[in-house]
Amino acid sequence: HSKDDKRPGWWDTCIGPGKVIDTNRFFVVSLNNLGGCHGSTG
């Protein structure tokens, strides 16, 4: 989210260019579910 972040997103090991879920080939959507506490209504 910023250049100061110490850690990437929770599944960064698998999502990215050339990774398991290759973002050079896929359009990836990740959301916070309803009832959550990271921005979605809860």
PDB file of all heavy atoms in Angstrom:
ATOM      1  N   HIS A   1       0.823  -1.211   0.000  1.00  0.00           N
ATOM      2  CA  HIS A   1       0.000   0.000   0.000  1.00  0.00           C
ATOM      3  C   HIS A   1       0.856   1.260   0.000  1.00  0.00           C
ATOM      4  O   HIS A   1       0.416   2.324  -0.428  1.00  0.00           O
ATOM      5  CB  HIS A   1      -0.936   0.017   1.206  1.00  0.00           C
ATOM      6  CG  HIS A   1      -2.119  -0.885   1.044  1.00  0.00           C
ATOM      7  ND1 HIS A   1      -2.852  -1.358   2.110  1.00  0.00           N
ATOM      8  CD2 HIS A   1      -2.701  -1.410  -0.064  1.00  0.00           C
ATOM      9  CE1 HIS A   1      -3.837  -2.132   1.661  1.00  0.00           C
ATOM     10  NE2 HIS A   1      -3.759  -2.171   0.349  1.00  0.00           N
ATOM     11  N   SER A   2       2.070   1.153   0.525  1.00  0.00           N
ATOM     12  CA  SER A   2       2.989   2.291   0.510  1.00  0.00           C
ATOM     13  C   SER A   2       4.421   1.781   0.451  1.00  0.00           C
ATOM     14  O   SER A   2       4.688   0.601   0.713  1.00  0.00           O
ATOM     15  CB  SER A   2       2.792   3.168   1.754  1.00  0.00           C
ATOM     16  OG  SER A   2       3.452   2.606   2.877  1.00  0.00           O
ATOM     17  N   LYS A   3       5.315   2.683   0.111  1.00  0.00           N
ATOM     18  CA  LYS A   3       6.730   2.311   0.019  1.00  0.00           C
ATOM     19  C   LYS A   3       7.314   1.975   1.384  1.00  0.00           C
ATOM     20  O   LYS A   3       8.389   1.388   1.475  1.00  0.00           O
ATOM     21  CB  LYS A   3       7.519   3.456  -0.627  1.00  0.00           C
ATOM     22  CG  LYS A   3       7.091   3.758  -2.050  1.00  0.00           C
ATOM     23  CD  LYS A   3       7.815   4.970  -2.601  1.00  0.00           C
ATOM     24  CE  LYS A   3       7.315   5.305  -4.005  1.00  0.00           C
ATOM     25  NZ  LYS A   3       7.987   6.501  -4.564  1.00  0.00           N
ATOM     26  N   ASP A   4       6.599   2.357   2.447  1.00  0.00           N
ATOM     27  CA  ASP A   4       7.088   2.110   3.804  1.00  0.00           C
ATOM     28  C   ASP A   4       6.593   0.789   4.385  1.00  0.00           C
ATOM     29  O   ASP A   4       7.012   0.409   5.484  1.00  0.00           O
ATOM     30  CB  ASP A   4       6.660   3.254   4.732  1.00  0.00           C
ATOM     31  CG  ASP A   4       7.241   4.593   4.302  1.00  0.00           C
ATOM     32  OD1 ASP A   4       8.390   4.609   3.824  1.00  0.00           O
ATOM     33  OD2 ASP A   4       6.532   5.615   4.425  1.00  0.00           O
ATOM     34  N   ASP A   5       5.685   0.121   3.674  1.00  0.00           N
ATOM     35  CA  ASP A   5       5.156  -1.154   4.185  1.00  0.00           C
ATOM     36  C   ASP A   5       6.277  -2.157   4.387  1.00  0.00           C
ATOM     37  O   ASP A   5       7.137  -2.341   3.507  1.00  0.00           O
ATOM     38  CB  ASP A   5       4.130  -1.740   3.211  1.00  0.00           C
ATOM     39  CG  ASP A   5       2.784  -1.054   3.292  1.00  0.00           C
ATOM     40  OD1 ASP A   5       2.645  -0.128   4.116  1.00  0.00           O
ATOM     41  OD2 ASP A   5       1.879  -1.435   2.527  1.00  0.00           O
ATOM     42  N   LYS A   6       6.248  -2.821   5.520  1.00  0.00           N
ATOM     43  CA  LYS A   6       7.272  -3.833   5.815  1.00  0.00           C
ATOM     44  C   LYS A   6       6.925  -5.173   5.167  1.00  0.00           C
ATOM     45  O   LYS A   6       7.824  -5.943   4.813  1.00  0.00           O
ATOM     46  CB  LYS A   6       7.407  -4.018   7.327  1.00  0.00           C
ATOM     47  CG  LYS A   6       7.868  -2.767   8.070  1.00  0.00           C
ATOM     48  CD  LYS A   6       9.302  -2.413   7.721  1.00  0.00           C
ATOM     49  CE  LYS A   6       9.835  -1.314   8.633  1.00  0.00           C
ATOM     50  NZ  LYS A   6       9.215  -0.002   8.377  1.00  0.00           N
ATOM     51  N   ARG A   7       5.626  -5.428   5.022  1.00  0.00           N
ATOM     52  CA  ARG A   7       5.197  -6.719   4.480  1.00  0.00           C
ATOM     53  C   ARG A   7       4.207  -6.509   3.343  1.00  0.00           C
ATOM     54  O   ARG A   7       3.416  -5.560   3.367  1.00  0.00           O
ATOM     55  CB  ARG A   7       4.541  -7.571   5.566  1.00  0.00           C
ATOM     56  CG  ARG A   7       5.503  -8.050   6.635  1.00  0.00           C
ATOM     57  CD  ARG A   7       4.783  -8.963   7.626  1.00  0.00           C
ATOM     58  NE  ARG A   7       5.682  -9.502   8.630  1.00  0.00           N
ATOM     59  CZ  ARG A   7       5.302 -10.324   9.586  1.00  0.00           C
ATOM     60  NH1 ARG A   7       4.025 -10.689   9.681  1.00  0.00           N
ATOM     61  NH2 ARG A   7       6.182 -10.785  10.464  1.00  0.00           N
ATOM     62  N   PRO A   8       4.209  -7.411   2.367  1.00  0.00           N
ATOM     63  CA  PRO A   8       3.233  -7.319   1.281  1.00  0.00           C
ATOM     64  C   PRO A   8       1.906  -7.946   1.695  1.00  0.00           C
ATOM     65  O   PRO A   8       1.737  -8.363   2.849  1.00  0.00           O
ATOM     66  CB  PRO A   8       3.898  -8.128   0.162  1.00  0.00           C
ATOM     67  CG  PRO A   8       4.656  -9.199   0.901  1.00  0.00           C
ATOM     68  CD  PRO A   8       5.150  -8.528   2.164  1.00  0.00           C
ATOM     69  N   GLY A   9       0.964  -8.031   0.755  1.00  0.00           N
ATOM     70  CA  GLY A   9      -0.321  -8.658   0.999  1.00  0.00           C
ATOM     71  C   GLY A   9      -0.172 -10.115   1.419  1.00  0.00           C
ATOM     72  O   GLY A   9       0.869 -10.749   1.224  1.00  0.00           O
ATOM     73  N   TRP A  10      -1.239 -10.656   2.003  1.00  0.00           N
ATOM     74  CA  TRP A  10      -1.175 -11.965   2.671  1.00  0.00           C
ATOM     75  C   TRP A  10      -0.884 -13.144   1.742  1.00  0.00           C
ATOM     76  O   TRP A  10      -0.435 -14.199   2.192  1.00  0.00           O
ATOM     77  CB  TRP A  10      -2.455 -12.220   3.460  1.00  0.00           C
ATOM     78  CG  TRP A  10      -3.732 -12.187   2.669  1.00  0.00           C
ATOM     79  CD1 TRP A  10      -4.536 -11.106   2.469  1.00  0.00           C
ATOM     80  CD2 TRP A  10      -4.346 -13.274   1.971  1.00  0.00           C
ATOM     81  NE1 TRP A  10      -5.618 -11.454   1.690  1.00  0.00           N
ATOM     82  CE2 TRP A  10      -5.529 -12.783   1.370  1.00  0.00           C
ATOM     83  CE3 TRP A  10      -4.030 -14.618   1.793  1.00  0.00           C
ATOM     84  CZ2 TRP A  10      -6.377 -13.582   0.604  1.00  0.00           C
ATOM     85  CZ3 TRP A  10      -4.877 -15.419   1.030  1.00  0.00           C
ATOM     86  CH2 TRP A  10      -6.036 -14.902   0.448  1.00  0.00           C
ATOM     87  N   TRP A  11      -1.120 -13.003   0.411  1.00  0.00           N
ATOM     88  CA  TRP A  11      -0.829 -14.112  -0.505  1.00  0.00           C
ATOM     89  C   TRP A  11       0.139 -13.669  -1.599  1.00  0.00           C
ATOM     90  O   TRP A  11       0.079 -14.146  -2.721  1.00  0.00           O
ATOM     91  CB  TRP A  11      -2.110 -14.674  -1.108  1.00  0.00           C
ATOM     92  CG  TRP A  11      -2.100 -16.173  -1.217  1.00  0.00           C
ATOM     93  CD1 TRP A  11      -1.178 -17.032  -0.703  1.00  0.00           C
ATOM     94  CD2 TRP A  11      -3.066 -16.997  -1.880  1.00  0.00           C
ATOM     95  NE1 TRP A  11      -1.503 -18.344  -0.980  1.00  0.00           N
ATOM     96  CE2 TRP A  11      -2.676 -18.337  -1.708  1.00  0.00           C
ATOM     97  CE3 TRP A  11      -4.229 -16.722  -2.588  1.00  0.00           C
ATOM     98  CZ2 TRP A  11      -3.402 -19.410  -2.235  1.00  0.00           C
ATOM     99  CZ3 TRP A  11      -4.956 -17.794  -3.099  1.00  0.00           C
ATOM    100  CH2 TRP A  11      -4.545 -19.118  -2.925  1.00  0.00           C
ATOM    101  N   ASP A  12       1.029 -12.781  -1.249  1.00  0.00           N
ATOM    102  CA  ASP A  12       1.995 -12.265  -2.216  1.00  0.00           C
ATOM    103  C   ASP A  12       2.905 -13.364  -2.758  1.00  0.00           C
ATOM    104  O   ASP A  12       3.458 -13.236  -3.845  1.00  0.00           O
ATOM    105  CB  ASP A  12       2.838 -11.167  -1.563  1.00  0.00           C
ATOM    106  CG  ASP A  12       3.589 -10.318  -2.574  1.00  0.00           C
ATOM    107  OD1 ASP A  12       2.955  -9.457  -3.213  1.00  0.00           O
ATOM    108  OD2 ASP A  12       4.797 -10.536  -2.733  1.00  0.00           O
ATOM    109  N   THR A  13       3.060 -14.443  -1.998  1.00  0.00           N
ATOM    110  CA  THR A  13       3.884 -15.562  -2.470  1.00  0.00           C
ATOM    111  C   THR A  13       3.310 -16.182  -3.745  1.00  0.00           C
ATOM    112  O   THR A  13       4.045 -16.758  -4.547  1.00  0.00           O
ATOM    113  CB  THR A  13       3.984 -16.675  -1.405  1.00  0.00           C
ATOM    114  OG1 THR A  13       2.664 -17.069  -1.005  1.00  0.00           O
ATOM    115  CG2 THR A  13       4.766 -16.214  -0.200  1.00  0.00           C
ATOM    116  N   CYS A  14       1.994 -16.047  -3.941  1.00  0.00           N
ATOM    117  CA  CYS A  14       1.345 -16.712  -5.070  1.00  0.00           C
ATOM    118  C   CYS A  14       0.792 -15.764  -6.133  1.00  0.00           C
ATOM    119  O   CYS A  14       0.432 -16.217  -7.220  1.00  0.00           O
ATOM    120  CB  CYS A  14       0.193 -17.597  -4.565  1.00  0.00           C
ATOM    121  SG  CYS A  14       0.742 -19.115  -3.744  1.00  0.00           S
ATOM    122  N   ILE A  15       0.713 -14.467  -5.842  1.00  0.00           N
ATOM    123  CA  ILE A  15       0.093 -13.526  -6.781  1.00  0.00           C
ATOM    124  C   ILE A  15       1.112 -12.502  -7.252  1.00  0.00           C
ATOM    125  O   ILE A  15       1.720 -11.791  -6.439  1.00  0.00           O
ATOM    126  CB  ILE A  15      -1.099 -12.796  -6.127  1.00  0.00           C
ATOM    127  CG1 ILE A  15      -2.163 -13.788  -5.651  1.00  0.00           C
ATOM    128  CG2 ILE A  15      -1.711 -11.781  -7.096  1.00  0.00           C
ATOM    129  CD1 ILE A  15      -3.266 -13.152  -4.814  1.00  0.00           C
ATOM    130  N   GLY A  16       1.304 -12.410  -8.556  1.00  0.00           N
ATOM    131  CA  GLY A  16       2.227 -11.421  -9.100  1.00  0.00           C
ATOM    132  C   GLY A  16       2.738 -11.842 -10.465  1.00  0.00           C
ATOM    133  O   GLY A  16       2.466 -12.960 -10.926  1.00  0.00           O
ATOM    134  N   PRO A  17       3.484 -10.986 -11.138  1.00  0.00           N
ATOM    135  CA  PRO A  17       4.033 -11.322 -12.459  1.00  0.00           C
ATOM    136  C   PRO A  17       4.916 -12.569 -12.399  1.00  0.00           C
ATOM    137  O   PRO A  17       5.879 -12.625 -11.630  1.00  0.00           O
ATOM    138  CB  PRO A  17       4.861 -10.080 -12.824  1.00  0.00           C
ATOM    139  CG  PRO A  17       4.283  -8.977 -12.000  1.00  0.00           C
ATOM    140  CD  PRO A  17       3.845  -9.614 -10.720  1.00  0.00           C
ATOM    141  N   GLY A  18       4.560 -13.572 -13.188  1.00  0.00           N
ATOM    142  CA  GLY A  18       5.346 -14.796 -13.247  1.00  0.00           C
ATOM    143  C   GLY A  18       5.139 -15.746 -12.090  1.00  0.00           C
ATOM    144  O   GLY A  18       5.734 -16.820 -12.041  1.00  0.00           O
ATOM    145  N   LYS A  19       4.263 -15.382 -11.139  1.00  0.00           N
ATOM    146  CA  LYS A  19       4.011 -16.253  -9.988  1.00  0.00           C
ATOM    147  C   LYS A  19       2.891 -17.241 -10.315  1.00  0.00           C
ATOM    148  O   LYS A  19       2.401 -17.306 -11.430  1.00  0.00           O
ATOM    149  CB  LYS A  19       3.666 -15.414  -8.755  1.00  0.00           C
ATOM    150  CG  LYS A  19       4.851 -14.588  -8.239  1.00  0.00           C
ATOM    151  CD  LYS A  19       4.487 -13.808  -6.986  1.00  0.00           C
ATOM    152  CE  LYS A  19       5.656 -12.984  -6.492  1.00  0.00           C
ATOM    153  NZ  LYS A  19       5.292 -12.161  -5.310  1.00  0.00           N
ATOM    154  N   VAL A  20       2.489 -18.008  -9.317  1.00  0.00           N
ATOM    155  CA  VAL A  20       1.453 -19.035  -9.496  1.00  0.00           C
ATOM    156  C   VAL A  20       0.205 -18.450 -10.165  1.00  0.00           C
ATOM    157  O   VAL A  20      -0.298 -18.983 -11.161  1.00  0.00           O
ATOM    158  CB  VAL A  20       1.089 -19.663  -8.131  1.00  0.00           C
ATOM    159  CG1 VAL A  20      -0.148 -20.545  -8.263  1.00  0.00           C
ATOM    160  CG2 VAL A  20       2.266 -20.481  -7.587  1.00  0.00           C
ATOM    161  N   ILE A  21      -0.291 -17.367  -9.604  1.00  0.00           N
ATOM    162  CA  ILE A  21      -1.419 -16.642 -10.204  1.00  0.00           C
ATOM    163  C   ILE A  21      -0.803 -15.437 -10.899  1.00  0.00           C
ATOM    164  O   ILE A  21      -0.569 -14.390 -10.297  1.00  0.00           O
ATOM    165  CB  ILE A  21      -2.452 -16.240  -9.130  1.00  0.00           C
ATOM    166  CG1 ILE A  21      -2.926 -17.485  -8.360  1.00  0.00           C
ATOM    167  CG2 ILE A  21      -3.654 -15.532  -9.755  1.00  0.00           C
ATOM    168  CD1 ILE A  21      -3.710 -17.184  -7.102  1.00  0.00           C
ATOM    169  N   ASP A  22      -0.476 -15.639 -12.164  1.00  0.00           N
ATOM    170  CA  ASP A  22       0.367 -14.722 -12.933  1.00  0.00           C
ATOM    171  C   ASP A  22      -0.426 -13.491 -13.374  1.00  0.00           C
ATOM    172  O   ASP A  22      -1.312 -13.580 -14.224  1.00  0.00           O
ATOM    173  CB  ASP A  22       0.927 -15.473 -14.146  1.00  0.00           C
ATOM    174  CG  ASP A  22       1.990 -14.687 -14.888  1.00  0.00           C
ATOM    175  OD1 ASP A  22       2.133 -13.476 -14.636  1.00  0.00           O
ATOM    176  OD2 ASP A  22       2.682 -15.288 -15.734  1.00  0.00           O
ATOM    177  N   THR A  23      -0.076 -12.341 -12.816  1.00  0.00           N
ATOM    178  CA  THR A  23      -0.812 -11.118 -13.143  1.00  0.00           C
ATOM    179  C   THR A  23      -0.437 -10.558 -14.517  1.00  0.00           C
ATOM    180  O   THR A  23      -1.032  -9.564 -14.955  1.00  0.00           O
ATOM    181  CB  THR A  23      -0.584 -10.041 -12.063  1.00  0.00           C
ATOM    182  OG1 THR A  23       0.826  -9.886 -11.826  1.00  0.00           O
ATOM    183  CG2 THR A  23      -1.267 -10.455 -10.764  1.00  0.00           C
ATOM    184  N   ASN A  24       0.525 -11.181 -15.197  1.00  0.00           N
ATOM    185  CA  ASN A  24       0.754 -10.850 -16.611  1.00  0.00           C
ATOM    186  C   ASN A  24      -0.306 -11.499 -17.501  1.00  0.00           C
ATOM    187  O   ASN A  24      -0.490 -11.093 -18.654  1.00  0.00           O
ATOM    188  CB  ASN A  24       2.136 -11.327 -17.063  1.00  0.00           C
ATOM    189  CG  ASN A  24       3.261 -10.497 -16.467  1.00  0.00           C
ATOM    190  OD1 ASN A  24       3.084  -9.309 -16.188  1.00  0.00           O
ATOM    191  ND2 ASN A  24       4.429 -11.103 -16.261  1.00  0.00           N
ATOM    192  N   ARG A  25      -0.999 -12.490 -16.928  1.00  0.00           N
ATOM    193  CA  ARG A  25      -1.980 -13.246 -17.711  1.00  0.00           C
ATOM    194  C   ARG A  25      -3.389 -13.147 -17.141  1.00  0.00           C
ATOM    195  O   ARG A  25      -4.367 -13.303 -17.866  1.00  0.00           O
ATOM    196  CB  ARG A  25      -1.555 -14.718 -17.785  1.00  0.00           C
ATOM    197  CG  ARG A  25      -0.127 -14.910 -18.274  1.00  0.00           C
ATOM    198  CD  ARG A  25       0.278 -16.362 -18.304  1.00  0.00           C
ATOM    199  NE  ARG A  25      -0.280 -17.071 -19.455  1.00  0.00           N
ATOM    200  CZ  ARG A  25      -0.115 -18.377 -19.675  1.00  0.00           C
ATOM    201  NH1 ARG A  25       0.569 -19.116 -18.805  1.00  0.00           N
ATOM    202  NH2 ARG A  25      -0.643 -18.941 -20.735  1.00  0.00           N
ATOM    203  N   PHE A  26      -3.486 -12.913 -15.846  1.00  0.00           N
ATOM    204  CA  PHE A  26      -4.795 -12.856 -15.191  1.00  0.00           C
ATOM    205  C   PHE A  26      -5.093 -11.455 -14.652  1.00  0.00           C
ATOM    206  O   PHE A  26      -4.182 -10.699 -14.297  1.00  0.00           O
ATOM    207  CB  PHE A  26      -4.864 -13.830 -14.012  1.00  0.00           C
ATOM    208  CG  PHE A  26      -4.826 -15.285 -14.387  1.00  0.00           C
ATOM    209  CD1 PHE A  26      -3.760 -16.084 -14.006  1.00  0.00           C
ATOM    210  CD2 PHE A  26      -5.857 -15.861 -15.107  1.00  0.00           C
ATOM    211  CE1 PHE A  26      -3.719 -17.428 -14.327  1.00  0.00           C
ATOM    212  CE2 PHE A  26      -5.832 -17.203 -15.441  1.00  0.00           C
ATOM    213  CZ  PHE A  26      -4.761 -17.993 -15.052  1.00  0.00           C
ATOM    214  N   PHE A  27      -6.386 -11.152 -14.565  1.00  0.00           N
ATOM    215  CA  PHE A  27      -6.875  -9.982 -13.851  1.00  0.00           C
ATOM    216  C   PHE A  27      -7.422 -10.502 -12.516  1.00  0.00           C
ATOM    217  O   PHE A  27      -8.420 -11.227 -12.488  1.00  0.00           O
ATOM    218  CB  PHE A  27      -7.983  -9.292 -14.655  1.00  0.00           C
ATOM    219  CG  PHE A  27      -8.626  -8.130 -13.949  1.00  0.00           C
ATOM    220  CD1 PHE A  27      -7.934  -6.942 -13.743  1.00  0.00           C
ATOM    221  CD2 PHE A  27      -9.948  -8.205 -13.506  1.00  0.00           C
ATOM    222  CE1 PHE A  27      -8.533  -5.858 -13.101  1.00  0.00           C
ATOM    223  CE2 PHE A  27     -10.562  -7.126 -12.867  1.00  0.00           C
ATOM    224  CZ  PHE A  27      -9.847  -5.953 -12.670  1.00  0.00           C
ATOM    225  N   VAL A  28      -6.749 -10.166 -11.440  1.00  0.00           N
ATOM    226  CA  VAL A  28      -7.049 -10.754 -10.137  1.00  0.00           C
ATOM    227  C   VAL A  28      -7.855  -9.775  -9.285  1.00  0.00           C
ATOM    228  O   VAL A  28      -7.492  -8.597  -9.165  1.00  0.00           O
ATOM    229  CB  VAL A  28      -5.753 -11.153  -9.411  1.00  0.00           C
ATOM    230  CG1 VAL A  28      -6.063 -11.798  -8.060  1.00  0.00           C
ATOM    231  CG2 VAL A  28      -4.927 -12.106 -10.275  1.00  0.00           C
ATOM    232  N   VAL A  29      -8.935 -10.268  -8.706  1.00  0.00           N
ATOM    233  CA  VAL A  29      -9.796  -9.470  -7.829  1.00  0.00           C
ATOM    234  C   VAL A  29      -9.776 -10.079  -6.436  1.00  0.00           C
ATOM    235  O   VAL A  29     -10.002 -11.279  -6.264  1.00  0.00           O
ATOM    236  CB  VAL A  29     -11.249  -9.428  -8.354  1.00  0.00           C
ATOM    237  CG1 VAL A  29     -12.130  -8.597  -7.424  1.00  0.00           C
ATOM    238  CG2 VAL A  29     -11.296  -8.880  -9.776  1.00  0.00           C
ATOM    239  N   SER A  30      -9.486  -9.254  -5.438  1.00  0.00           N
ATOM    240  CA  SER A  30      -9.476  -9.712  -4.045  1.00  0.00           C
ATOM    241  C   SER A  30     -10.261  -8.723  -3.210  1.00  0.00           C
ATOM    242  O   SER A  30     -10.018  -7.516  -3.275  1.00  0.00           O
ATOM    243  CB  SER A  30      -8.030  -9.801  -3.537  1.00  0.00           C
ATOM    244  OG  SER A  30      -7.987 -10.164  -2.170  1.00  0.00           O
ATOM    245  N   LEU A  31     -11.240  -9.205  -2.449  1.00  0.00           N
ATOM    246  CA  LEU A  31     -12.096  -8.300  -1.680  1.00  0.00           C
ATOM    247  C   LEU A  31     -12.105  -8.657  -0.203  1.00  0.00           C
ATOM    248  O   LEU A  31     -11.712  -9.751   0.198  1.00  0.00           O
ATOM    249  CB  LEU A  31     -13.527  -8.324  -2.217  1.00  0.00           C
ATOM    250  CG  LEU A  31     -14.440  -9.483  -1.805  1.00  0.00           C
ATOM    251  CD1 LEU A  31     -15.899  -9.093  -1.966  1.00  0.00           C
ATOM    252  CD2 LEU A  31     -14.146 -10.738  -2.616  1.00  0.00           C
ATOM    253  N   ASN A  32     -12.563  -7.693   0.588  1.00  0.00           N
ATOM    254  CA  ASN A  32     -12.838  -7.918   2.003  1.00  0.00           C
ATOM    255  C   ASN A  32     -14.320  -8.260   2.122  1.00  0.00           C
ATOM    256  O   ASN A  32     -15.180  -7.488   1.698  1.00  0.00           O
ATOM    257  CB  ASN A  32     -12.509  -6.654   2.798  1.00  0.00           C
ATOM    258  CG  ASN A  32     -12.725  -6.801   4.299  1.00  0.00           C
ATOM    259  OD1 ASN A  32     -13.118  -5.854   4.965  1.00  0.00           O
ATOM    260  ND2 ASN A  32     -12.475  -7.971   4.854  1.00  0.00           N
ATOM    261  N   ASN A  33     -14.623  -9.419   2.684  1.00  0.00           N
ATOM    262  CA  ASN A  33     -16.006  -9.883   2.751  1.00  0.00           C
ATOM    263  C   ASN A  33     -16.882  -8.989   3.634  1.00  0.00           C
ATOM    264  O   ASN A  33     -16.397  -8.324   4.561  1.00  0.00           O
ATOM    265  CB  ASN A  33     -16.071 -11.313   3.289  1.00  0.00           C
ATOM    266  CG  ASN A  33     -15.729 -12.336   2.230  1.00  0.00           C
ATOM    267  OD1 ASN A  33     -15.859 -12.085   1.039  1.00  0.00           O
ATOM    268  ND2 ASN A  33     -15.291 -13.512   2.666  1.00  0.00           N
ATOM    269  N   LEU A  34     -18.172  -9.008   3.343  1.00  0.00           N
ATOM    270  CA  LEU A  34     -19.145  -8.342   4.211  1.00  0.00           C
ATOM    271  C   LEU A  34     -19.005  -8.871   5.643  1.00  0.00           C
ATOM    272  O   LEU A  34     -18.789 -10.070   5.856  1.00  0.00           O
ATOM    273  CB  LEU A  34     -20.564  -8.615   3.717  1.00  0.00           C
ATOM    274  CG  LEU A  34     -21.081  -7.743   2.579  1.00  0.00           C
ATOM    275  CD1 LEU A  34     -22.463  -8.229   2.159  1.00  0.00           C
ATOM    276  CD2 LEU A  34     -21.140  -6.287   2.989  1.00  0.00           C
ATOM    277  N   GLY A  35     -19.138  -7.971   6.596  1.00  0.00           N
ATOM    278  CA  GLY A  35     -18.952  -8.360   7.989  1.00  0.00           C
ATOM    279  C   GLY A  35     -17.515  -8.220   8.425  1.00  0.00           C
ATOM    280  O   GLY A  35     -17.190  -8.414   9.599  1.00  0.00           O
ATOM    281  N   GLY A  36     -16.633  -7.890   7.470  1.00  0.00           N
ATOM    282  CA  GLY A  36     -15.216  -7.746   7.766  1.00  0.00           C
ATOM    283  C   GLY A  36     -14.912  -6.450   8.494  1.00  0.00           C
ATOM    284  O   GLY A  36     -15.799  -5.642   8.798  1.00  0.00           O
ATOM    285  N   CYS A  37     -13.629  -6.236   8.753  1.00  0.00           N
ATOM    286  CA  CYS A  37     -13.233  -5.038   9.514  1.00  0.00           C
ATOM    287  C   CYS A  37     -12.088  -4.300   8.831  1.00  0.00           C
ATOM    288  O   CYS A  37     -11.311  -3.604   9.479  1.00  0.00           O
ATOM    289  CB  CYS A  37     -12.840  -5.430  10.939  1.00  0.00           C
ATOM    290  SG  CYS A  37     -11.566  -6.717  11.054  1.00  0.00           S
ATOM    291  N   HIS A  38     -11.984  -4.474   7.506  1.00  0.00           N
ATOM    292  CA  HIS A  38     -10.929  -3.789   6.768  1.00  0.00           C
ATOM    293  C   HIS A  38     -11.500  -2.915   5.661  1.00  0.00           C
ATOM    294  O   HIS A  38     -10.875  -2.729   4.608  1.00  0.00           O
ATOM    295  CB  HIS A  38      -9.941  -4.811   6.201  1.00  0.00           C
ATOM    296  CG  HIS A  38      -9.130  -5.501   7.254  1.00  0.00           C
ATOM    297  ND1 HIS A  38      -9.562  -6.667   7.870  1.00  0.00           N
ATOM    298  CD2 HIS A  38      -7.951  -5.183   7.829  1.00  0.00           C
ATOM    299  CE1 HIS A  38      -8.656  -7.038   8.769  1.00  0.00           C
ATOM    300  NE2 HIS A  38      -7.668  -6.162   8.756  1.00  0.00           N
ATOM    301  N   GLY A  39     -12.677  -2.372   5.881  1.00  0.00           N
ATOM    302  CA  GLY A  39     -13.237  -1.421   4.931  1.00  0.00           C
ATOM    303  C   GLY A  39     -14.607  -1.773   4.397  1.00  0.00           C
ATOM    304  O   GLY A  39     -15.423  -0.884   4.118  1.00  0.00           O
ATOM    305  N   SER A  40     -14.884  -3.067   4.203  1.00  0.00           N
ATOM    306  CA  SER A  40     -16.225  -3.463   3.781  1.00  0.00           C
ATOM    307  C   SER A  40     -17.189  -3.291   4.961  1.00  0.00           C
ATOM    308  O   SER A  40     -16.782  -3.290   6.128  1.00  0.00           O
ATOM    309  CB  SER A  40     -16.238  -4.918   3.297  1.00  0.00           C
ATOM    310  OG  SER A  40     -15.515  -5.050   2.085  1.00  0.00           O
ATOM    311  N   THR A  41     -18.466  -3.156   4.642  1.00  0.00           N
ATOM    312  CA  THR A  41     -19.463  -2.935   5.691  1.00  0.00           C
ATOM    313  C   THR A  41     -19.474  -4.102   6.677  1.00  0.00           C
ATOM    314  O   THR A  41     -19.541  -5.269   6.291  1.00  0.00           O
ATOM    315  CB  THR A  41     -20.859  -2.762   5.068  1.00  0.00           C
ATOM    316  OG1 THR A  41     -20.823  -1.632   4.191  1.00  0.00           O
ATOM    317  CG2 THR A  41     -21.914  -2.532   6.135  1.00  0.00           C
ATOM    318  N   GLY A  42     -19.382  -3.768   7.950  1.00  0.00           N
ATOM    319  CA  GLY A  42     -19.341  -4.778   8.996  1.00  0.00           C
ATOM    320  C   GLY A  42     -19.797  -4.202  10.320  1.00  0.00           C
ATOM    321  O   GLY A  42     -20.323  -3.070  10.381  1.00  0.00           O
TER     322      GLY A  42
END
